[in-house]
């Protein structure tokens, strides 16, 4: 059930992001449309990787790469304690 809510949330936020980008940058042709979708997917994937997980208290990017995704600093986590 949690996965379904997560997918719905991502879909809703991606739809909102696409609406904002289309409104602020009207598309002229297929190349512009593809670039707009690529930009939206990059923004959404960055948001997913940098958002702090409620239960773990860390972002997925920090947990996987042992680095903060925004600041270039090391991240140390005691995964056994978590």
N, C-alpha and C. Protein backbone atom coordinates (compact mmCIF):
# COMPACT_ATOMS: atom_id res chain seq x y z
N UNK A 1 0.81 -1.19 0.00
CA UNK A 1 0.00 0.00 0.00
C UNK A 1 0.86 1.26 0.00
N UNK A 2 1.97 1.22 0.74
CA UNK A 2 2.85 2.38 0.80
C UNK A 2 3.46 2.67 -0.57
N UNK A 3 3.80 1.60 -1.32
CA UNK A 3 4.39 1.78 -2.64
C UNK A 3 3.39 2.45 -3.59
N UNK A 4 2.14 2.08 -3.47
CA UNK A 4 1.11 2.67 -4.34
C UNK A 4 0.96 4.16 -4.03
N UNK A 5 0.97 4.52 -2.74
CA UNK A 5 0.88 5.94 -2.37
C UNK A 5 2.09 6.71 -2.88
N UNK A 6 3.27 6.08 -2.80
CA UNK A 6 4.49 6.73 -3.27
C UNK A 6 4.43 6.97 -4.77
N UNK A 7 3.99 5.97 -5.51
CA UNK A 7 3.87 6.11 -6.97
C UNK A 7 2.85 7.17 -7.33
N UNK A 8 1.72 7.20 -6.63
CA UNK A 8 0.70 8.23 -6.90
C UNK A 8 1.25 9.62 -6.60
N UNK A 9 2.01 9.73 -5.52
CA UNK A 9 2.58 11.02 -5.16
C UNK A 9 3.58 11.49 -6.22
N UNK A 10 4.43 10.60 -6.68
CA UNK A 10 5.40 10.95 -7.73
C UNK A 10 4.67 11.35 -9.00
N UNK A 11 3.65 10.59 -9.38
CA UNK A 11 2.90 10.89 -10.60
C UNK A 11 2.21 12.25 -10.49
N UNK A 12 1.62 12.53 -9.33
CA UNK A 12 0.95 13.81 -9.12
C UNK A 12 1.94 14.97 -9.18
N UNK A 13 3.06 14.82 -8.50
CA UNK A 13 4.07 15.89 -8.50
C UNK A 13 4.70 16.07 -9.87
N UNK A 14 4.93 14.98 -10.59
CA UNK A 14 5.48 15.10 -11.94
C UNK A 14 4.49 15.79 -12.87
N UNK A 15 3.21 15.48 -12.72
CA UNK A 15 2.18 16.15 -13.52
C UNK A 15 2.14 17.64 -13.23
N UNK A 16 2.21 18.00 -11.95
CA UNK A 16 2.22 19.43 -11.58
C UNK A 16 3.46 20.12 -12.15
N UNK A 17 4.61 19.46 -12.06
CA UNK A 17 5.85 20.03 -12.60
C UNK A 17 5.75 20.24 -14.11
N UNK A 18 5.21 19.26 -14.82
CA UNK A 18 5.05 19.40 -16.27
C UNK A 18 4.09 20.54 -16.61
N UNK A 19 3.01 20.69 -15.86
CA UNK A 19 2.08 21.80 -16.12
C UNK A 19 2.77 23.15 -15.94
N UNK A 20 3.58 23.28 -14.90
CA UNK A 20 4.29 24.54 -14.66
C UNK A 20 5.29 24.81 -15.78
N UNK A 21 6.06 23.77 -16.16
CA UNK A 21 7.06 23.96 -17.22
C UNK A 21 6.41 24.27 -18.56
N UNK A 22 5.31 23.62 -18.89
CA UNK A 22 4.62 23.88 -20.16
C UNK A 22 4.05 25.29 -20.16
N UNK A 23 3.51 25.72 -19.04
CA UNK A 23 2.93 27.07 -18.97
C UNK A 23 4.02 28.15 -19.08
N UNK A 24 5.17 27.91 -18.44
CA UNK A 24 6.23 28.92 -18.46
C UNK A 24 7.09 28.87 -19.73
N UNK A 25 7.13 27.71 -20.39
CA UNK A 25 7.92 27.55 -21.63
C UNK A 25 7.04 26.86 -22.67
N UNK A 26 6.21 27.61 -23.38
CA UNK A 26 5.34 26.96 -24.39
C UNK A 26 6.16 26.20 -25.42
N UNK A 27 5.72 25.00 -25.72
CA UNK A 27 6.47 24.15 -26.66
C UNK A 27 6.19 24.59 -28.10
N UNK A 28 7.22 24.51 -28.93
CA UNK A 28 7.11 24.91 -30.32
C UNK A 28 7.09 23.72 -31.26
N UNK A 29 7.85 22.66 -30.90
CA UNK A 29 7.94 21.49 -31.76
C UNK A 29 8.26 20.26 -30.91
N UNK A 30 8.45 19.14 -31.55
CA UNK A 30 8.70 17.89 -30.85
C UNK A 30 10.02 17.90 -30.09
N UNK A 31 11.03 18.53 -30.64
CA UNK A 31 12.34 18.60 -29.97
C UNK A 31 12.21 19.38 -28.67
N UNK A 32 11.49 20.51 -28.70
CA UNK A 32 11.27 21.30 -27.48
C UNK A 32 10.47 20.51 -26.45
N UNK A 33 9.48 19.75 -26.92
CA UNK A 33 8.66 18.94 -26.01
C UNK A 33 9.50 17.87 -25.34
N UNK A 34 10.35 17.19 -26.12
CA UNK A 34 11.23 16.16 -25.55
C UNK A 34 12.20 16.75 -24.55
N UNK A 35 12.74 17.93 -24.84
CA UNK A 35 13.65 18.59 -23.91
C UNK A 35 12.93 18.97 -22.63
N UNK A 36 11.69 19.39 -22.74
CA UNK A 36 10.88 19.76 -21.58
C UNK A 36 10.61 18.55 -20.69
N UNK A 37 10.28 17.42 -21.30
CA UNK A 37 10.04 16.20 -20.53
C UNK A 37 11.33 15.72 -19.87
N UNK A 38 12.44 15.80 -20.58
CA UNK A 38 13.74 15.42 -20.00
C UNK A 38 14.07 16.28 -18.79
N UNK A 39 13.82 17.58 -18.90
CA UNK A 39 14.08 18.49 -17.78
C UNK A 39 13.20 18.15 -16.58
N UNK A 40 11.93 17.86 -16.85
CA UNK A 40 11.01 17.50 -15.76
C UNK A 40 11.45 16.22 -15.07
N UNK A 41 11.88 15.23 -15.84
CA UNK A 41 12.34 13.97 -15.24
C UNK A 41 13.62 14.16 -14.43
N UNK A 42 14.52 15.02 -14.90
CA UNK A 42 15.73 15.30 -14.13
C UNK A 42 15.40 15.98 -12.80
N UNK A 43 14.50 16.94 -12.83
CA UNK A 43 14.09 17.64 -11.61
C UNK A 43 13.43 16.66 -10.64
N UNK A 44 12.53 15.81 -11.16
CA UNK A 44 11.82 14.86 -10.30
C UNK A 44 12.78 13.83 -9.70
N UNK A 45 13.72 13.32 -10.49
CA UNK A 45 14.66 12.32 -9.96
C UNK A 45 15.58 12.94 -8.92
N UNK A 46 15.98 14.17 -9.12
CA UNK A 46 16.81 14.87 -8.12
C UNK A 46 16.03 15.05 -6.83
N UNK A 47 14.76 15.42 -6.96
CA UNK A 47 13.92 15.60 -5.77
C UNK A 47 13.75 14.30 -5.00
N UNK A 48 13.56 13.19 -5.72
CA UNK A 48 13.41 11.89 -5.06
C UNK A 48 14.68 11.47 -4.34
N UNK A 49 15.83 11.76 -4.94
CA UNK A 49 17.10 11.34 -4.35
C UNK A 49 17.55 12.20 -3.18
N UNK A 50 17.06 13.43 -3.11
CA UNK A 50 17.52 14.32 -2.05
C UNK A 50 16.51 14.52 -0.93
N UNK A 51 15.30 14.00 -1.07
CA UNK A 51 14.28 14.13 -0.03
C UNK A 51 14.61 13.19 1.12
N UNK A 52 14.54 13.71 2.32
CA UNK A 52 14.87 12.91 3.51
C UNK A 52 13.73 11.94 3.81
N UNK A 53 14.09 10.67 3.97
CA UNK A 53 13.13 9.61 4.30
C UNK A 53 12.67 9.78 5.74
N UNK A 54 11.38 9.70 5.99
CA UNK A 54 10.85 9.95 7.33
C UNK A 54 11.35 8.92 8.34
N UNK A 55 11.37 7.64 7.99
CA UNK A 55 11.73 6.61 8.95
C UNK A 55 13.24 6.57 9.20
N UNK A 56 14.03 6.67 8.13
CA UNK A 56 15.49 6.58 8.29
C UNK A 56 16.12 7.90 8.70
N UNK A 57 15.50 9.00 8.33
CA UNK A 57 16.05 10.31 8.66
C UNK A 57 17.18 10.74 7.74
N UNK A 58 17.36 10.05 6.62
CA UNK A 58 18.39 10.41 5.63
C UNK A 58 17.78 10.30 4.24
N UNK A 59 18.42 10.93 3.28
CA UNK A 59 17.96 10.82 1.90
C UNK A 59 18.54 9.56 1.27
N UNK A 60 17.90 9.00 0.26
CA UNK A 60 18.42 7.81 -0.40
C UNK A 60 19.81 8.03 -1.00
N UNK A 61 20.04 9.20 -1.57
CA UNK A 61 21.36 9.50 -2.14
C UNK A 61 22.45 9.52 -1.10
N UNK A 62 22.16 10.08 0.07
CA UNK A 62 23.14 10.11 1.15
C UNK A 62 23.44 8.71 1.66
N UNK A 63 22.41 7.89 1.79
CA UNK A 63 22.59 6.54 2.30
C UNK A 63 23.39 5.67 1.33
N UNK A 64 23.17 5.84 0.04
CA UNK A 64 23.85 4.99 -0.95
C UNK A 64 25.28 5.44 -1.21
N UNK A 65 25.49 6.74 -1.37
CA UNK A 65 26.80 7.23 -1.78
C UNK A 65 27.67 7.73 -0.63
N UNK A 66 27.14 7.72 0.60
CA UNK A 66 27.87 8.23 1.78
C UNK A 66 28.34 9.66 1.59
N UNK A 67 27.61 10.44 0.80
CA UNK A 67 27.90 11.85 0.55
C UNK A 67 26.59 12.60 0.52
N UNK A 68 26.63 13.82 0.95
CA UNK A 68 25.45 14.66 0.83
C UNK A 68 25.26 15.00 -0.64
N UNK A 69 24.03 14.99 -1.13
CA UNK A 69 23.78 15.22 -2.56
C UNK A 69 23.85 16.69 -2.94
N UNK A 70 23.73 17.59 -1.98
CA UNK A 70 23.77 19.01 -2.29
C UNK A 70 25.12 19.61 -1.91
N UNK A 71 25.55 19.35 -0.70
CA UNK A 71 26.86 19.83 -0.25
C UNK A 71 27.88 18.71 -0.42
N UNK A 72 29.10 19.06 -0.76
CA UNK A 72 30.13 18.04 -0.98
C UNK A 72 30.80 17.69 0.36
N UNK A 73 30.05 17.02 1.23
CA UNK A 73 30.59 16.61 2.51
C UNK A 73 30.28 15.13 2.72
N UNK A 74 31.12 14.46 3.50
CA UNK A 74 30.90 13.05 3.80
C UNK A 74 29.68 12.87 4.68
N UNK A 75 29.04 11.75 4.53
CA UNK A 75 27.88 11.40 5.33
C UNK A 75 28.18 10.07 6.01
N UNK A 76 28.07 10.03 7.32
CA UNK A 76 28.34 8.82 8.08
C UNK A 76 27.05 8.40 8.76
N UNK A 77 26.64 7.14 8.54
CA UNK A 77 25.41 6.64 9.14
C UNK A 77 25.68 5.31 9.82
N UNK A 78 25.10 5.14 10.98
CA UNK A 78 25.16 3.86 11.67
C UNK A 78 23.91 3.08 11.29
N UNK A 79 24.01 2.27 10.23
CA UNK A 79 22.85 1.57 9.71
C UNK A 79 22.34 0.51 10.67
N UNK A 80 23.18 -0.01 11.53
CA UNK A 80 22.73 -0.99 12.54
C UNK A 80 21.84 -0.30 13.55
N UNK A 81 22.20 0.91 13.94
CA UNK A 81 21.38 1.67 14.87
C UNK A 81 20.03 2.04 14.27
N UNK A 82 20.03 2.35 12.96
CA UNK A 82 18.79 2.70 12.29
C UNK A 82 17.88 1.50 12.22
